[in-house]
Amino acid sequence: MAVKKAEPSGEPQRKMPPAMTPEAREQQLVHLAYNLAEERLRNGTASAQEVTHLLKAGQVQNQLAIRELELKNELLIARTTQIGNEETQQQMLKDAMRAFAGYRGEDVPDLEDFDD
């Protein structure tokens, strides 16, 4: 990583590699914003809004709300997977019914005959 310039705090600012996805870019910007807010807090120039936001971000309630959203997201993914599995099972059942009809010497019916 290349050193860009020295910050007032004496630490060199490092250039980040370009983000590959919009989500990664958003994370980079959030990281930069938090670094700037930290710098302002250390210098005593942070606004009341910045201080309040950072205090709220650290609260347990906020962390629990974030965790709840993560769990809801996992549940939605699991439900989506389950729906896909059910569709696969239904297709396998239809194929088996066609095969059994063929074994009995019957004409193999269309798949629509086995729809609910």
N, C-alpha and C. Protein backbone atom coordinates (compact mmCIF):
# COMPACT_ATOMS: atom_id res chain seq x y z
N MET A 1 0.83 -1.18 0.00
CA MET A 1 0.00 0.00 0.00
C MET A 1 0.88 1.24 0.00
N ALA A 2 0.48 2.22 -0.73
CA ALA A 2 1.26 3.44 -0.85
C ALA A 2 0.90 4.41 0.27
N VAL A 3 1.89 5.13 0.74
CA VAL A 3 1.67 6.14 1.76
C VAL A 3 1.29 7.43 1.05
N LYS A 4 0.13 7.98 1.42
CA LYS A 4 -0.36 9.17 0.73
C LYS A 4 0.20 10.45 1.33
N LYS A 5 -0.11 10.70 2.60
CA LYS A 5 0.40 11.89 3.26
C LYS A 5 0.31 11.69 4.76
N ALA A 6 1.01 12.50 5.47
CA ALA A 6 0.99 12.41 6.94
C ALA A 6 -0.24 13.13 7.46
N GLU A 7 -0.94 12.50 8.36
CA GLU A 7 -2.10 13.11 9.00
C GLU A 7 -1.62 14.00 10.14
N PRO A 8 -2.50 14.90 10.59
CA PRO A 8 -2.11 15.75 11.72
C PRO A 8 -1.76 14.94 12.97
N SER A 9 -2.34 13.74 13.10
CA SER A 9 -2.03 12.93 14.27
C SER A 9 -0.66 12.28 14.15
N GLY A 10 0.00 12.42 13.00
CA GLY A 10 1.32 11.86 12.81
C GLY A 10 1.31 10.50 12.15
N GLU A 11 0.13 9.91 11.97
CA GLU A 11 0.05 8.60 11.33
C GLU A 11 -0.12 8.79 9.83
N PRO A 12 0.58 8.01 9.02
CA PRO A 12 0.42 8.14 7.58
C PRO A 12 -0.92 7.56 7.14
N GLN A 13 -1.55 8.21 6.16
CA GLN A 13 -2.80 7.71 5.62
C GLN A 13 -2.48 6.75 4.48
N ARG A 14 -3.02 5.57 4.53
CA ARG A 14 -2.74 4.57 3.51
C ARG A 14 -3.87 4.52 2.49
N LYS A 15 -3.50 4.39 1.23
CA LYS A 15 -4.48 4.31 0.16
C LYS A 15 -5.02 2.88 0.11
N MET A 16 -6.34 2.78 0.07
CA MET A 16 -6.99 1.47 0.00
C MET A 16 -7.09 1.03 -1.46
N PRO A 17 -7.02 -0.27 -1.69
CA PRO A 17 -7.22 -0.75 -3.06
C PRO A 17 -8.67 -0.53 -3.46
N PRO A 18 -8.95 -0.41 -4.75
CA PRO A 18 -10.34 -0.18 -5.17
C PRO A 18 -11.23 -1.36 -4.80
N ALA A 19 -12.45 -1.06 -4.44
CA ALA A 19 -13.41 -2.10 -4.06
C ALA A 19 -13.89 -2.83 -5.31
N MET A 20 -14.13 -4.12 -5.14
CA MET A 20 -14.59 -4.94 -6.27
C MET A 20 -16.11 -4.99 -6.38
N THR A 21 -16.82 -4.72 -5.28
CA THR A 21 -18.28 -4.77 -5.28
C THR A 21 -18.83 -3.50 -4.65
N PRO A 22 -20.09 -3.19 -4.92
CA PRO A 22 -20.70 -2.02 -4.27
C PRO A 22 -20.72 -2.16 -2.74
N GLU A 23 -20.91 -3.37 -2.25
CA GLU A 23 -20.92 -3.61 -0.81
C GLU A 23 -19.55 -3.31 -0.20
N ALA A 24 -18.51 -3.74 -0.88
CA ALA A 24 -17.15 -3.48 -0.40
C ALA A 24 -16.85 -1.99 -0.43
N ARG A 25 -17.33 -1.30 -1.45
CA ARG A 25 -17.14 0.15 -1.54
C ARG A 25 -17.84 0.84 -0.38
N GLU A 26 -19.05 0.40 -0.08
CA GLU A 26 -19.78 0.98 1.04
C GLU A 26 -19.02 0.76 2.35
N GLN A 27 -18.45 -0.42 2.52
CA GLN A 27 -17.67 -0.70 3.73
C GLN A 27 -16.45 0.21 3.82
N GLN A 28 -15.82 0.46 2.68
CA GLN A 28 -14.67 1.37 2.67
C GLN A 28 -15.08 2.77 3.11
N LEU A 29 -16.20 3.25 2.59
CA LEU A 29 -16.65 4.59 2.93
C LEU A 29 -17.04 4.68 4.41
N VAL A 30 -17.68 3.66 4.93
CA VAL A 30 -18.03 3.64 6.34
C VAL A 30 -16.76 3.65 7.18
N HIS A 31 -15.77 2.89 6.76
CA HIS A 31 -14.49 2.85 7.47
C HIS A 31 -13.84 4.24 7.51
N LEU A 32 -13.85 4.91 6.35
CA LEU A 32 -13.27 6.25 6.29
C LEU A 32 -14.05 7.24 7.16
N ALA A 33 -15.37 7.12 7.16
CA ALA A 33 -16.20 8.02 7.96
C ALA A 33 -15.92 7.83 9.45
N TYR A 34 -15.79 6.58 9.87
CA TYR A 34 -15.49 6.31 11.27
C TYR A 34 -14.08 6.80 11.63
N ASN A 35 -13.15 6.65 10.72
CA ASN A 35 -11.80 7.18 10.99
C ASN A 35 -11.83 8.69 11.16
N LEU A 36 -12.60 9.37 10.29
CA LEU A 36 -12.71 10.83 10.39
C LEU A 36 -13.39 11.23 11.70
N ALA A 37 -14.45 10.51 12.05
CA ALA A 37 -15.15 10.81 13.30
C ALA A 37 -14.22 10.59 14.50
N GLU A 38 -13.42 9.54 14.45
CA GLU A 38 -12.46 9.28 15.53
C GLU A 38 -11.45 10.42 15.62
N GLU A 39 -10.95 10.85 14.49
CA GLU A 39 -9.99 11.96 14.46
C GLU A 39 -10.59 13.22 15.07
N ARG A 40 -11.85 13.50 14.72
CA ARG A 40 -12.52 14.69 15.25
C ARG A 40 -12.76 14.57 16.75
N LEU A 41 -13.10 13.35 17.21
CA LEU A 41 -13.27 13.16 18.64
C LEU A 41 -11.97 13.41 19.39
N ARG A 42 -10.88 12.91 18.85
CA ARG A 42 -9.57 13.08 19.49
C ARG A 42 -9.14 14.56 19.52
N ASN A 43 -9.50 15.30 18.46
CA ASN A 43 -9.13 16.71 18.37
C ASN A 43 -10.10 17.60 19.14
N GLY A 44 -11.23 17.04 19.55
CA GLY A 44 -12.23 17.84 20.24
C GLY A 44 -13.07 18.69 19.32
N THR A 45 -13.11 18.34 18.03
CA THR A 45 -13.88 19.12 17.06
C THR A 45 -15.12 18.39 16.58
N ALA A 46 -15.46 17.27 17.19
CA ALA A 46 -16.62 16.49 16.75
C ALA A 46 -17.90 17.22 17.13
N SER A 47 -18.89 17.17 16.23
CA SER A 47 -20.18 17.79 16.52
C SER A 47 -20.97 16.92 17.48
N ALA A 48 -22.00 17.50 18.06
CA ALA A 48 -22.85 16.75 18.97
C ALA A 48 -23.53 15.59 18.24
N GLN A 49 -23.86 15.78 16.98
CA GLN A 49 -24.49 14.72 16.19
C GLN A 49 -23.53 13.54 16.02
N GLU A 50 -22.27 13.82 15.75
CA GLU A 50 -21.29 12.74 15.59
C GLU A 50 -21.13 11.96 16.88
N VAL A 51 -21.02 12.68 17.98
CA VAL A 51 -20.85 12.02 19.28
C VAL A 51 -22.06 11.17 19.60
N THR A 52 -23.27 11.71 19.40
CA THR A 52 -24.50 10.97 19.67
C THR A 52 -24.59 9.73 18.81
N HIS A 53 -24.27 9.87 17.53
CA HIS A 53 -24.33 8.71 16.63
C HIS A 53 -23.39 7.61 17.09
N LEU A 54 -22.19 7.96 17.44
CA LEU A 54 -21.22 6.95 17.86
C LEU A 54 -21.62 6.30 19.18
N LEU A 55 -22.22 7.08 20.07
CA LEU A 55 -22.70 6.49 21.32
C LEU A 55 -23.84 5.50 21.07
N LYS A 56 -24.75 5.87 20.18
CA LYS A 56 -25.86 4.97 19.85
C LYS A 56 -25.35 3.71 19.16
N ALA A 57 -24.36 3.85 18.31
CA ALA A 57 -23.84 2.69 17.57
C ALA A 57 -23.24 1.66 18.51
N GLY A 58 -22.74 2.11 19.63
CA GLY A 58 -22.11 1.19 20.56
C GLY A 58 -23.06 0.57 21.57
N GLN A 59 -24.29 1.00 21.59
CA GLN A 59 -25.23 0.49 22.58
C GLN A 59 -25.61 -0.96 22.29
N VAL A 60 -25.88 -1.67 23.35
CA VAL A 60 -26.25 -3.09 23.24
C VAL A 60 -27.54 -3.26 22.44
N GLN A 61 -28.48 -2.35 22.63
CA GLN A 61 -29.76 -2.46 21.93
C GLN A 61 -29.55 -2.41 20.42
N ASN A 62 -28.70 -1.54 19.96
CA ASN A 62 -28.40 -1.45 18.54
C ASN A 62 -27.74 -2.72 18.04
N GLN A 63 -26.82 -3.26 18.83
CA GLN A 63 -26.15 -4.50 18.44
C GLN A 63 -27.14 -5.65 18.36
N LEU A 64 -28.10 -5.69 19.29
CA LEU A 64 -29.12 -6.74 19.26
C LEU A 64 -30.03 -6.60 18.04
N ALA A 65 -30.36 -5.37 17.69
CA ALA A 65 -31.19 -5.15 16.51
C ALA A 65 -30.47 -5.61 15.25
N ILE A 66 -29.19 -5.34 15.18
CA ILE A 66 -28.40 -5.80 14.03
C ILE A 66 -28.37 -7.32 13.98
N ARG A 67 -28.18 -7.96 15.12
CA ARG A 67 -28.15 -9.43 15.17
C ARG A 67 -29.50 -10.01 14.76
N GLU A 68 -30.58 -9.36 15.19
CA GLU A 68 -31.92 -9.82 14.81
C GLU A 68 -32.10 -9.77 13.29
N LEU A 69 -31.63 -8.70 12.67
CA LEU A 69 -31.73 -8.59 11.22
C LEU A 69 -30.90 -9.67 10.52
N GLU A 70 -29.72 -9.96 11.07
CA GLU A 70 -28.89 -11.01 10.49
C GLU A 70 -29.60 -12.37 10.57
N LEU A 71 -30.23 -12.64 11.72
CA LEU A 71 -30.95 -13.92 11.88
C LEU A 71 -32.15 -14.00 10.96
N LYS A 72 -32.87 -12.89 10.79
CA LYS A 72 -34.00 -12.88 9.86
C LYS A 72 -33.53 -13.15 8.44
N ASN A 73 -32.38 -12.61 8.09
CA ASN A 73 -31.82 -12.84 6.77
C ASN A 73 -31.48 -14.32 6.58
N GLU A 74 -30.88 -14.93 7.60
CA GLU A 74 -30.58 -16.36 7.53
C GLU A 74 -31.85 -17.18 7.39
N LEU A 75 -32.91 -16.78 8.10
CA LEU A 75 -34.19 -17.50 8.01
C LEU A 75 -34.77 -17.41 6.61
N LEU A 76 -34.69 -16.24 6.01
CA LEU A 76 -35.19 -16.08 4.64
C LEU A 76 -34.40 -16.95 3.65
N ILE A 77 -33.11 -17.03 3.86
CA ILE A 77 -32.28 -17.87 2.99
C ILE A 77 -32.68 -19.34 3.17
N ALA A 78 -32.91 -19.76 4.41
CA ALA A 78 -33.30 -21.14 4.67
C ALA A 78 -34.67 -21.45 4.06
N ARG A 79 -35.59 -20.52 4.16
CA ARG A 79 -36.92 -20.73 3.56
C ARG A 79 -36.83 -20.83 2.04
N THR A 80 -36.01 -19.98 1.45
CA THR A 80 -35.83 -20.03 0.00
C THR A 80 -35.25 -21.38 -0.43
N THR A 81 -34.28 -21.85 0.32
CA THR A 81 -33.68 -23.16 0.03
C THR A 81 -34.71 -24.26 0.17
N GLN A 82 -35.54 -24.17 1.20
CA GLN A 82 -36.57 -25.19 1.44
C GLN A 82 -37.57 -25.21 0.29
N ILE A 83 -37.98 -24.05 -0.19
CA ILE A 83 -38.91 -23.99 -1.31
C ILE A 83 -38.30 -24.65 -2.54
N GLY A 84 -37.04 -24.38 -2.79
CA GLY A 84 -36.35 -25.01 -3.93
C GLY A 84 -36.28 -26.52 -3.77
N ASN A 85 -36.04 -27.00 -2.55
CA ASN A 85 -35.99 -28.44 -2.29
C ASN A 85 -37.35 -29.08 -2.49
N GLU A 86 -38.41 -28.40 -2.08
CA GLU A 86 -39.76 -28.93 -2.26
C GLU A 86 -40.11 -29.06 -3.73
N GLU A 87 -39.73 -28.07 -4.52
CA GLU A 87 -39.98 -28.14 -5.96
C GLU A 87 -39.23 -29.31 -6.59
N THR A 88 -38.00 -29.54 -6.16
CA THR A 88 -37.22 -30.66 -6.66
C THR A 88 -37.87 -31.99 -6.28
N GLN A 89 -38.35 -32.09 -5.04
CA GLN A 89 -39.01 -33.31 -4.60
C GLN A 89 -40.29 -33.56 -5.38
N GLN A 90 -41.06 -32.50 -5.66
CA GLN A 90 -42.28 -32.66 -6.45
C GLN A 90 -41.96 -33.16 -7.85
N GLN A 91 -40.90 -32.63 -8.44
CA GLN A 91 -40.51 -33.07 -9.78
C GLN A 91 -40.08 -34.53 -9.75
N MET A 92 -39.35 -34.94 -8.71
CA MET A 92 -38.93 -36.33 -8.60
C MET A 92 -40.13 -37.25 -8.43
N LEU A 93 -41.14 -36.82 -7.68
CA LEU A 93 -42.35 -37.61 -7.49
C LEU A 93 -43.08 -37.76 -8.82
N LYS A 94 -43.19 -36.70 -9.58
CA LYS A 94 -43.84 -36.77 -10.89
C LYS A 94 -43.11 -37.75 -11.80
N ASP A 95 -41.78 -37.67 -11.80
CA ASP A 95 -40.99 -38.59 -12.63
C ASP A 95 -41.20 -40.04 -12.20
N ALA A 96 -41.26 -40.27 -10.89
CA ALA A 96 -41.49 -41.63 -10.38
C ALA A 96 -42.86 -42.13 -10.79
N MET A 97 -43.87 -41.27 -10.70
CA MET A 97 -45.23 -41.67 -11.09
C MET A 97 -45.28 -42.04 -12.58
N ARG A 98 -44.60 -41.29 -13.40
CA ARG A 98 -44.54 -41.63 -14.83
C ARG A 98 -43.85 -42.98 -15.04
N ALA A 99 -42.77 -43.20 -14.30
CA ALA A 99 -42.04 -44.45 -14.44
C ALA A 99 -42.91 -45.63 -14.01
N PHE A 100 -43.61 -45.50 -12.88
CA PHE A 100 -44.48 -46.58 -12.41
C PHE A 100 -45.61 -46.85 -13.40
N ALA A 101 -46.16 -45.81 -14.00
CA ALA A 101 -47.22 -46.00 -14.99
C ALA A 101 -46.67 -46.76 -16.19
N GLY A 102 -45.45 -46.46 -16.56
CA GLY A 102 -44.82 -47.17 -17.68
C GLY A 102 -44.55 -48.62 -17.34
N TYR A 103 -44.19 -48.91 -16.09
CA TYR A 103 -43.92 -50.29 -15.67
C TYR A 103 -45.20 -51.13 -15.68
N ARG A 104 -46.34 -50.49 -15.43
CA ARG A 104 -47.61 -51.22 -15.42
C ARG A 104 -48.12 -51.46 -16.84
N GLY A 105 -47.42 -50.99 -17.82
CA GLY A 105 -47.82 -51.19 -19.20
C GLY A 105 -48.80 -50.15 -19.69
N GLU A 106 -49.02 -49.14 -18.92
CA GLU A 106 -49.93 -48.08 -19.32
C GLU A 106 -49.18 -47.10 -20.22
N ASP A 107 -49.95 -46.34 -20.95
CA ASP A 107 -49.32 -45.26 -21.70
C ASP A 107 -48.75 -44.27 -20.69
N VAL A 108 -47.58 -43.76 -20.99
CA VAL A 108 -46.96 -42.80 -20.08
C VAL A 108 -47.71 -41.48 -20.21
N PRO A 109 -48.38 -41.08 -19.12
CA PRO A 109 -49.16 -39.83 -19.19
C PRO A 109 -48.26 -38.60 -19.15
N ASP A 110 -48.87 -37.50 -19.51
CA ASP A 110 -48.15 -36.22 -19.41
C ASP A 110 -47.96 -35.86 -17.95
N LEU A 111 -46.97 -35.03 -17.69
CA LEU A 111 -46.71 -34.60 -16.31
C LEU A 111 -47.90 -33.84 -15.74
N GLU A 112 -48.68 -33.19 -16.57
CA GLU A 112 -49.81 -32.42 -16.08
C GLU A 112 -50.86 -33.29 -15.41
N ASP A 113 -50.91 -34.61 -15.77
CA ASP A 113 -51.87 -35.51 -15.15
C ASP A 113 -51.59 -35.73 -13.67
N PHE A 114 -50.36 -35.47 -13.24
CA PHE A 114 -49.98 -35.70 -11.85
C PHE A 114 -49.96 -34.42 -11.03
N ASP A 115 -50.30 -33.30 -11.65
CA ASP A 115 -50.32 -32.04 -10.91
C ASP A 115 -51.48 -32.05 -9.93
N ASP A 116 -51.27 -31.36 -8.80
CA ASP A 116 -52.33 -31.28 -7.78
C ASP A 116 -53.42 -30.35 -8.20
